[in-house]
Amino acid sequence: MKKSIAFFISCLCFNALSAQTLTWTSNEVHLNFREPKSASSTPYITWIKPALDYSSSQETRVAVEANVQDNVGLKLVTLTIVNSTTGEVDGGKTFESVSGNTFSVNMNVNLKEGTRYIEITTENIEGIKVSSKRTLIVGKDALDYISADRKDVALIFATDNYDHWDDLVNPINDGQTIARELKEKYGFETEVITNATTEEVFEKIREYNLKKFKPQDQLLIFFAGHGLFDDAFGEGYVVAKNSLADDKSRTSYIAHARLRGIVNNIPCQHVLLMMDVCFGGTLDPVIARARSADDEVTEREMLARKLSYKTRKYLTSGGKEYVSDGVAGSHSPFAGKFLESLRSNGGDDFVLTLTEIQAAMEKLKTLPRFGAFGDDERLSDFVFVSKARK
């Protein structure tokens, strides 16, 4: 009897995404020990489209792009479409003229409705086989899948009591009201952290870096409080409860550059960072350098398509300037407009997009800034889906 063993070689990949945790991606390697030989190389498959191991598409026609490479030379590359429920093969293709060290798969495939997986298998000239697959829910089931298999989470930092800075009157009220609206109208899981120190902010964000998220999950991180811009460093900062007034090194502050980096590294596919603080717009290093940049407007697409791209967006209460805290007992102008948008329940389609929120914010005296950071993909969007639609 022919004996074989399959094992997984998993590589930590910060730009790729995996099935449920969004942290790992795997190639399955098959070795034949009946005819042992020393393998000097193992083929590797890098997916471009679909980007996620597990995703959805309302369209039955799907683009497939992947790169296959091996140091000793490729011998064979095949693509197979399989019904995930029954295991039946719907179709496939064997690519001809495969040779050399690299091969690119670039084609459109027609998938039947339901759950399907696309598998690419390759073999090098030493007989080492590697396979990798992407699973999709296709057609009318896609929106049902998104509604049933996703969650929205909000982490809100609000500070109005400072050890070394003047106290504010509205941030905690703003944060708690926003959390309530997100929970009641949009079904968000919310966590409000009040008057946190620098260490507590980073410790809490670190908890989210260690959480597991599914492909369509969304995470909103909101800061309300004081902000600072240091001209010498050319850097913006969030002021924490314990930030020192006379701290020329700014080590007691939360630097925007560090915040961008650790938030970008959270293993959630869709992240929105909102900052209702002075100089919040300097989160964008281009603004920090005092050069103007046009806001990029995200194209309006169906919900399933919006959640097919990695999202790293930010929306701040101003650019390189001071912003109002508002009247005591009320809300800041920025928080007030955000709440006004949330209370619309997403309009006729019950889906509130960043583009719609940005349009409402344009009426403010201090113009908010909207943009992207980190690994954001151009067609991505962060959406608020009203519970009335679910």
Protein backbone atom coordinates (compact mmCIF):
# COMPACT_ATOMS: atom_id res chain seq x y z
CA MET A 1 0.00 0.00 0.00
CA LYS A 2 1.29 3.40 -0.90
CA LYS A 3 2.09 5.37 2.20
CA SER A 4 1.93 9.10 2.30
CA ILE A 5 1.84 11.76 4.92
CA ALA A 6 0.48 15.28 4.72
CA PHE A 7 1.64 18.05 6.94
CA PHE A 8 1.16 21.77 7.06
CA ILE A 9 3.88 24.32 6.76
CA SER A 10 2.49 27.51 8.19
CA CYS A 11 4.19 30.84 7.77
CA LEU A 12 3.36 33.88 9.82
CA CYS A 13 2.24 36.43 7.25
CA PHE A 14 1.34 39.96 8.25
CA ASN A 15 -0.22 40.92 4.90
CA ALA A 16 -2.10 37.69 4.22
CA LEU A 17 -5.22 36.45 5.97
CA SER A 18 -6.48 33.07 7.10
CA ALA A 19 -9.84 31.39 7.61
CA GLN A 20 -11.14 32.28 11.07
CA THR A 21 -8.28 34.02 12.88
CA LEU A 22 -6.99 36.25 10.06
CA THR A 23 -3.43 35.64 11.28
CA TRP A 24 -2.03 32.62 9.38
CA THR A 25 -2.00 31.27 5.87
CA SER A 26 -1.11 27.68 4.98
CA ASN A 27 0.07 25.59 2.06
CA GLU A 28 -0.55 21.84 2.34
CA VAL A 29 2.47 19.77 1.34
CA HIS A 30 2.29 16.11 0.26
CA LEU A 31 5.37 13.87 0.39
CA ASN A 32 5.64 10.34 -1.05
CA PHE A 33 7.83 8.16 1.19
CA ARG A 34 7.54 5.06 -1.00
CA GLU A 35 10.06 6.61 -3.36
CA PRO A 36 12.20 8.66 -0.96
CA LYS A 37 14.36 11.42 -2.37
CA SER A 38 15.95 14.50 -0.91
CA ALA A 39 13.83 17.53 -1.66
CA SER A 40 15.87 20.66 -2.13
CA SER A 41 12.84 22.92 -2.54
CA THR A 42 9.13 23.13 -1.74
CA PRO A 43 6.72 25.01 -4.02
CA TYR A 44 4.77 27.92 -2.56
CA ILE A 45 1.44 29.43 -3.60
CA THR A 46 0.68 33.10 -2.89
CA TRP A 47 -2.94 34.18 -3.34
CA ILE A 48 -3.84 37.63 -4.62
CA LYS A 49 -7.54 37.12 -5.37
CA PRO A 50 -9.55 36.03 -3.46
CA ALA A 51 -7.47 37.57 -0.68
CA LEU A 52 -9.25 35.82 2.19
CA ASP A 53 -9.26 32.11 2.94
CA TYR A 54 -12.99 32.34 3.64
CA SER A 55 -15.17 35.04 2.05
CA SER A 56 -18.34 35.71 0.07
CA SER A 57 -19.38 37.04 -3.32
CA GLN A 58 -22.79 38.01 -4.65
CA GLU A 59 -21.35 37.68 -8.15
CA THR A 60 -21.00 34.18 -9.59
CA ARG A 61 -18.07 35.28 -11.77
CA VAL A 62 -14.95 35.54 -9.61
CA ALA A 63 -11.41 36.67 -10.43
CA VAL A 64 -8.65 34.26 -9.45
CA GLU A 65 -5.05 35.48 -9.20
CA ALA A 66 -2.15 33.65 -7.59
CA ASN A 67 1.60 33.29 -7.94
CA VAL A 68 3.28 29.88 -7.80
CA GLN A 69 7.03 29.60 -7.27
CA ASP A 70 9.70 27.00 -6.62
CA ASN A 71 13.50 27.15 -6.61
CA VAL A 72 14.18 23.91 -8.52
CA GLY A 73 11.49 24.33 -11.16
CA LEU A 74 7.75 23.78 -11.59
CA LYS A 75 6.25 20.80 -13.38
CA LEU A 76 2.46 21.09 -13.02
CA VAL A 77 -0.22 23.59 -11.92
CA THR A 78 -3.94 22.80 -11.72
CA LEU A 79 -7.04 24.67 -10.56
CA THR A 80 -10.10 22.81 -9.25
CA ILE A 81 -13.55 24.08 -8.22
CA VAL A 82 -15.29 21.93 -5.60
CA ASN A 83 -18.73 21.97 -3.96
CA SER A 84 -17.81 22.32 -0.28
CA THR A 85 -21.04 20.65 0.85
CA THR A 86 -21.00 17.53 -1.34
CA GLY A 87 -17.33 17.32 -2.28
CA GLU A 88 -18.25 17.07 -5.97
CA VAL A 89 -15.95 18.70 -8.51
CA ASP A 90 -17.70 21.46 -10.50
CA GLY A 91 -14.84 22.05 -12.90
CA GLY A 92 -11.18 22.80 -13.24
CA LYS A 93 -8.21 23.53 -15.44
CA THR A 94 -4.75 22.06 -15.97
CA PHE A 95 -2.34 24.74 -17.10
CA GLU A 96 -0.09 23.80 -19.98
CA SER A 97 3.50 24.84 -20.62
CA VAL A 98 4.36 25.08 -16.93
CA SER A 99 8.13 25.42 -16.54
CA GLY A 100 10.72 27.56 -14.86
CA ASN A 101 10.61 28.81 -11.29
CA THR A 102 7.44 30.92 -11.36
CA PHE A 103 3.94 30.69 -12.78
CA SER A 104 1.02 33.12 -12.52
CA VAL A 105 -2.62 32.09 -12.39
CA ASN A 106 -4.83 34.92 -13.68
CA MET A 107 -8.34 34.05 -14.83
CA ASN A 108 -12.05 34.48 -14.16
CA VAL A 109 -14.07 31.45 -13.05
CA ASN A 110 -17.83 30.93 -12.99
CA LEU A 111 -19.05 29.49 -9.70
CA LYS A 112 -22.43 27.98 -8.93
CA GLU A 113 -24.41 29.43 -6.03
CA GLY A 114 -23.70 28.00 -2.61
CA THR A 115 -20.42 27.24 -0.85
CA ARG A 116 -17.53 26.46 -3.16
CA TYR A 117 -13.78 26.27 -2.77
CA ILE A 118 -11.14 26.99 -5.38
CA GLU A 119 -8.02 24.86 -5.00
CA ILE A 120 -4.69 25.38 -6.72
CA THR A 121 -2.29 22.43 -6.75
CA THR A 122 1.28 22.50 -7.97
CA GLU A 123 4.10 19.97 -8.32
CA ASN A 124 7.78 20.66 -8.82
CA ILE A 125 10.25 18.58 -10.85
CA GLU A 126 11.24 16.68 -7.68
CA GLY A 127 7.66 15.45 -7.25
CA ILE A 128 6.80 17.64 -4.25
CA LYS A 129 3.12 18.64 -4.38
CA VAL A 130 1.57 21.65 -2.67
CA SER A 131 -2.07 22.73 -2.60
CA SER A 132 -3.88 25.80 -1.29
CA LYS A 133 -7.53 26.81 -1.44
CA ARG A 134 -9.99 29.65 -1.00
CA THR A 135 -13.58 29.08 0.13
CA LEU A 136 -16.42 31.36 -1.01
CA ILE A 137 -20.14 31.59 -0.35
CA VAL A 138 -21.55 32.57 -3.73
CA GLY A 139 -24.74 34.24 -4.92
CA LYS A 140 -27.90 35.03 -2.99
CA ASP A 141 -26.57 33.27 0.13
CA ALA A 142 -23.71 35.77 0.45
CA LEU A 143 -25.65 38.53 2.22
CA ASP A 144 -27.27 36.02 4.57
CA TYR A 145 -23.79 34.73 5.38
CA ILE A 146 -22.50 38.22 6.10
CA SER A 147 -25.43 39.00 8.40
CA ALA A 148 -25.13 35.72 10.29
CA ASP A 149 -21.38 35.27 10.48
CA ARG A 150 -20.01 38.67 11.42
CA LYS A 151 -19.86 41.03 14.37
CA ASP A 152 -19.15 44.71 14.88
CA VAL A 153 -17.04 45.84 17.82
CA ALA A 154 -16.34 49.33 19.18
CA LEU A 155 -13.48 50.22 21.53
CA ILE A 156 -13.92 53.76 22.85
CA PHE A 157 -11.34 55.75 24.83
CA ALA A 158 -12.75 58.88 26.48
CA THR A 159 -10.77 61.17 28.78
CA ASP A 160 -12.00 64.34 30.49
CA ASN A 161 -10.01 64.17 33.75
CA TYR A 162 -6.28 64.86 33.40
CA ASP A 163 -3.44 64.85 35.92
CA HIS A 164 -1.39 67.57 34.20
CA TRP A 165 -3.72 69.08 31.57
CA ASP A 166 -6.91 71.12 31.88
CA ASP A 167 -9.98 68.94 32.31
CA LEU A 168 -12.62 68.72 29.57
CA VAL A 169 -16.41 68.54 29.93
CA ASN A 170 -17.75 66.26 27.19
CA PRO A 171 -15.51 63.33 26.13
CA ILE A 172 -16.92 60.69 28.51
CA ASN A 173 -20.50 61.77 27.80
CA ASP A 174 -19.71 61.63 24.08
CA GLY A 175 -18.13 58.19 24.33
CA GLN A 176 -20.93 56.67 26.38
CA THR A 177 -23.64 58.10 24.14
CA ILE A 178 -21.89 56.88 20.98
CA ALA A 179 -21.50 53.42 22.55
CA ARG A 180 -25.21 53.32 23.39
CA GLU A 181 -26.25 54.30 19.85
CA LEU A 182 -23.89 51.76 18.29
CA LYS A 183 -25.21 49.00 20.54
CA GLU A 184 -28.92 49.78 20.31
CA LYS A 185 -29.21 50.73 16.64
CA TYR A 186 -26.39 48.76 14.98
CA GLY A 187 -25.79 45.78 17.26
CA PHE A 188 -22.19 46.64 18.12
CA GLU A 189 -20.36 45.04 21.02
CA THR A 190 -19.00 48.08 22.85
CA GLU A 191 -16.30 48.75 25.43
CA VAL A 192 -15.76 52.24 26.87
CA ILE A 193 -12.46 52.98 28.63
CA THR A 194 -12.52 56.22 30.62
CA ASN A 195 -9.60 58.36 31.80
CA ALA A 196 -6.96 55.82 30.77
CA THR A 197 -3.23 56.31 31.26
CA THR A 198 -0.79 55.86 28.38
CA GLU A 199 0.07 52.39 29.65
CA GLU A 200 -3.60 51.41 29.99
CA VAL A 201 -4.36 52.53 26.43
CA PHE A 202 -1.61 50.38 24.95
CA GLU A 203 -2.45 47.44 27.20
CA LYS A 204 -6.08 47.54 26.07
CA ILE A 205 -5.19 47.80 22.38
CA ARG A 206 -2.78 44.90 22.87
CA GLU A 207 -5.73 42.80 24.05
CA TYR A 208 -7.38 43.46 20.69
CA ASN A 209 -4.19 42.55 18.85
CA LEU A 210 -4.50 39.11 20.45
CA LYS A 211 -8.22 38.61 19.71
CA LYS A 212 -9.53 36.44 16.88
CA PHE A 213 -11.70 38.03 14.20
CA LYS A 214 -13.63 36.55 11.30
CA PRO A 215 -13.23 37.91 7.74
CA GLN A 216 -16.30 40.20 7.78
CA ASP A 217 -15.92 41.45 11.37
CA GLN A 218 -15.41 45.19 11.89
CA LEU A 219 -13.62 47.11 14.64
CA LEU A 220 -14.17 50.80 15.43
CA ILE A 221 -11.61 52.50 17.70
CA PHE A 222 -12.65 55.94 18.95
CA PHE A 223 -10.59 58.49 20.92
CA ALA A 224 -12.11 61.55 22.62
CA GLY A 225 -10.02 64.01 24.62
CA HIS A 226 -7.00 66.30 24.31
CA GLY A 227 -4.57 66.19 21.39
CA LEU A 228 -1.15 67.77 20.83
CA PHE A 229 1.14 68.50 17.89
CA ASP A 230 4.89 68.88 18.40
CA ASP A 231 6.46 71.03 15.68
CA ALA A 232 9.98 69.92 16.58
CA PHE A 233 9.16 66.25 16.06
CA GLY A 234 6.61 66.89 13.32
CA GLU A 235 4.33 64.42 15.12
CA GLY A 236 0.82 64.45 16.55
CA TYR A 237 -0.12 62.86 19.88
CA VAL A 238 -3.15 61.78 21.88
CA VAL A 239 -2.93 63.11 25.44
CA ALA A 240 -3.54 60.40 28.05
CA LYS A 241 -4.69 60.99 31.63
CA ASN A 242 -1.11 60.87 32.95
CA SER A 243 0.66 62.68 30.09
CA LEU A 244 3.08 65.24 31.51
CA ALA A 245 2.70 68.91 30.63
CA ASP A 246 6.48 69.45 30.52
CA ASP A 247 7.55 66.32 28.64
CA LYS A 248 9.87 67.43 25.85
CA SER A 249 10.57 63.83 24.82
CA ARG A 250 6.80 63.15 24.54
CA THR A 251 7.30 59.64 25.95
CA SER A 252 4.25 60.03 28.20
CA TYR A 253 2.03 60.69 25.17
CA ILE A 254 0.48 58.39 22.56
CA ALA A 255 2.26 59.10 19.28
CA HIS A 256 0.12 58.90 16.14
CA ALA A 257 2.86 56.97 14.33
CA ARG A 258 2.90 54.24 16.97
CA LEU A 259 -0.90 54.22 17.11
CA ARG A 260 -1.11 53.74 13.33
CA GLY A 261 1.31 50.82 13.52
CA ILE A 262 -0.30 48.84 16.31
CA VAL A 263 -3.85 49.44 15.08
CA ASN A 264 -2.84 48.37 11.58
CA ASN A 265 -1.49 45.14 13.07
CA ILE A 266 -4.79 44.18 14.75
CA PRO A 267 -5.92 40.93 13.04
CA CYS A 268 -9.28 42.37 12.00
CA GLN A 269 -9.97 42.86 8.30
CA HIS A 270 -12.00 46.07 8.70
CA VAL A 271 -10.81 48.79 11.09
CA LEU A 272 -11.96 52.39 11.45
CA LEU A 273 -10.00 54.78 13.68
CA MET A 274 -11.92 57.90 14.75
CA MET A 275 -10.31 60.69 16.77
CA ASP A 276 -12.20 63.59 18.33
CA VAL A 277 -9.05 65.34 19.56
CA CYS A 278 -7.10 68.46 18.66
CA PHE A 279 -4.63 67.92 15.80
CA GLY A 280 -6.21 64.52 15.10
CA GLY A 281 -5.72 65.06 11.38
CA THR A 282 -1.96 64.77 11.86
CA LEU A 283 -2.55 61.03 12.18
CA ASP A 284 -1.88 61.35 8.45
CA PRO A 285 1.87 62.07 8.13
CA VAL A 286 1.16 64.07 4.97
CA ILE A 287 -0.95 66.53 6.95
CA ALA A 288 1.67 66.59 9.69
CA ARG A 289 4.15 67.83 7.07
CA ALA A 290 1.64 70.63 6.27
CA ARG A 291 1.00 69.57 2.69
CA SER A 292 -2.60 69.35 1.51
CA ALA A 293 -4.04 66.12 0.11
CA ASP A 294 -7.37 65.34 -1.54
CA ASP A 295 -9.72 62.98 0.29
CA GLU A 296 -10.35 59.75 -1.56
CA VAL A 297 -14.03 58.91 -1.90
CA THR A 298 -14.81 55.22 -1.67
CA GLU A 299 -17.01 53.84 -4.45
CA ARG A 300 -20.51 52.80 -3.47
CA GLU A 301 -20.85 49.07 -3.79
CA MET A 302 -22.96 46.29 -2.41
CA LEU A 303 -22.35 45.36 1.21
CA ALA A 304 -20.76 42.03 0.35
CA ARG A 305 -18.27 43.70 -1.96
CA LYS A 306 -17.39 46.41 0.55
CA LEU A 307 -16.38 43.75 3.05
CA SER A 308 -14.21 41.89 0.56
CA TYR A 309 -11.31 44.34 0.88
CA LYS A 310 -9.06 45.11 3.82
CA THR A 311 -10.07 48.33 5.57
CA ARG A 312 -7.83 50.75 7.42
CA LYS A 313 -9.66 54.11 7.47
CA TYR A 314 -9.51 57.09 9.80
CA LEU A 315 -11.86 59.99 10.48
CA THR A 316 -10.67 62.81 12.73
CA SER A 317 -12.29 65.96 14.07
CA GLY A 318 -9.80 68.29 12.39
CA GLY A 319 -6.51 68.61 10.60
CA LYS A 320 -3.52 70.40 12.10
CA GLU A 321 -5.60 72.60 14.39
CA TYR A 322 -7.48 72.95 17.68
CA VAL A 323 -11.08 71.70 17.83
CA SER A 324 -13.96 72.56 20.15
CA ASP A 325 -14.91 70.49 23.20
CA GLY A 326 -18.47 71.85 22.99
CA VAL A 327 -20.86 73.08 25.67
CA ALA A 328 -20.86 71.32 29.05
CA GLY A 329 -23.54 68.63 29.26
CA SER A 330 -23.87 68.45 25.49
CA HIS A 331 -21.58 66.88 22.87
CA SER A 332 -18.57 68.10 20.92
CA PRO A 333 -19.46 69.24 17.39
CA PHE A 334 -17.70 66.18 15.93
CA ALA A 335 -19.42 63.70 18.25
CA GLY A 336 -22.76 65.46 17.70
CA LYS A 337 -22.57 65.03 13.92
CA PHE A 338 -21.47 61.40 14.29
CA LEU A 339 -24.45 60.72 16.58
CA GLU A 340 -26.75 62.50 14.12
CA SER A 341 -25.53 60.15 11.37
CA LEU A 342 -25.95 57.07 13.58
CA ARG A 343 -29.51 58.07 14.46
CA SER A 344 -30.46 58.09 10.76
CA ASN A 345 -30.42 54.27 10.90
CA GLY A 346 -28.51 54.25 7.63
CA GLY A 347 -31.25 55.83 5.54
CA ASP A 348 -33.41 53.94 3.07
CA ASP A 349 -31.01 51.00 2.69
CA PHE A 350 -30.25 50.82 6.46
CA VAL A 351 -26.50 50.89 5.70
CA LEU A 352 -24.48 53.90 6.87
CA THR A 353 -21.15 54.31 5.06
CA LEU A 354 -18.10 56.45 5.79
CA THR A 355 -18.87 58.51 2.69
CA GLU A 356 -22.27 59.42 4.15
CA ILE A 357 -20.75 60.26 7.55
CA GLN A 358 -18.10 62.39 5.87
CA ALA A 359 -20.79 64.31 3.95
CA ALA A 360 -22.60 65.12 7.21
CA MET A 361 -19.32 66.22 8.84
CA GLU A 362 -18.61 68.74 6.07
CA LYS A 363 -21.10 71.13 7.66
CA LEU A 364 -18.86 71.57 10.70
CA LYS A 365 -16.90 74.80 11.11
CA THR A 366 -13.69 72.80 11.59
CA LEU A 367 -13.53 70.42 8.64
CA PRO A 368 -12.83 66.81 9.70
CA ARG A 369 -10.22 64.76 7.89
CA PHE A 370 -10.88 61.39 6.28
CA GLY A 371 -8.38 58.99 4.77
CA ALA A 372 -6.58 55.65 4.89
CA PHE A 373 -3.55 54.20 6.63
CA GLY A 374 -1.57 50.97 6.84
CA ASP A 375 -2.68 48.06 4.67
CA ASP A 376 -5.91 49.68 3.45
CA GLU A 377 -7.23 48.52 0.06
CA ARG A 378 -8.66 51.16 -2.27
CA LEU A 379 -12.18 49.75 -2.66
CA SER A 380 -12.70 49.03 1.03
CA ASP A 381 -15.24 50.70 3.29
CA PHE A 382 -16.38 50.58 6.92
CA VAL A 383 -20.15 50.19 7.19
CA PHE A 384 -22.72 50.52 9.94
CA VAL A 385 -25.56 48.07 9.28
CA SER A 386 -28.74 49.04 11.14
CA LYS A 387 -30.45 46.36 13.23
CA ALA A 388 -33.62 47.29 11.33
CA ARG A 389 -32.05 45.68 8.26
CA LYS A 390 -30.77 42.53 9.98
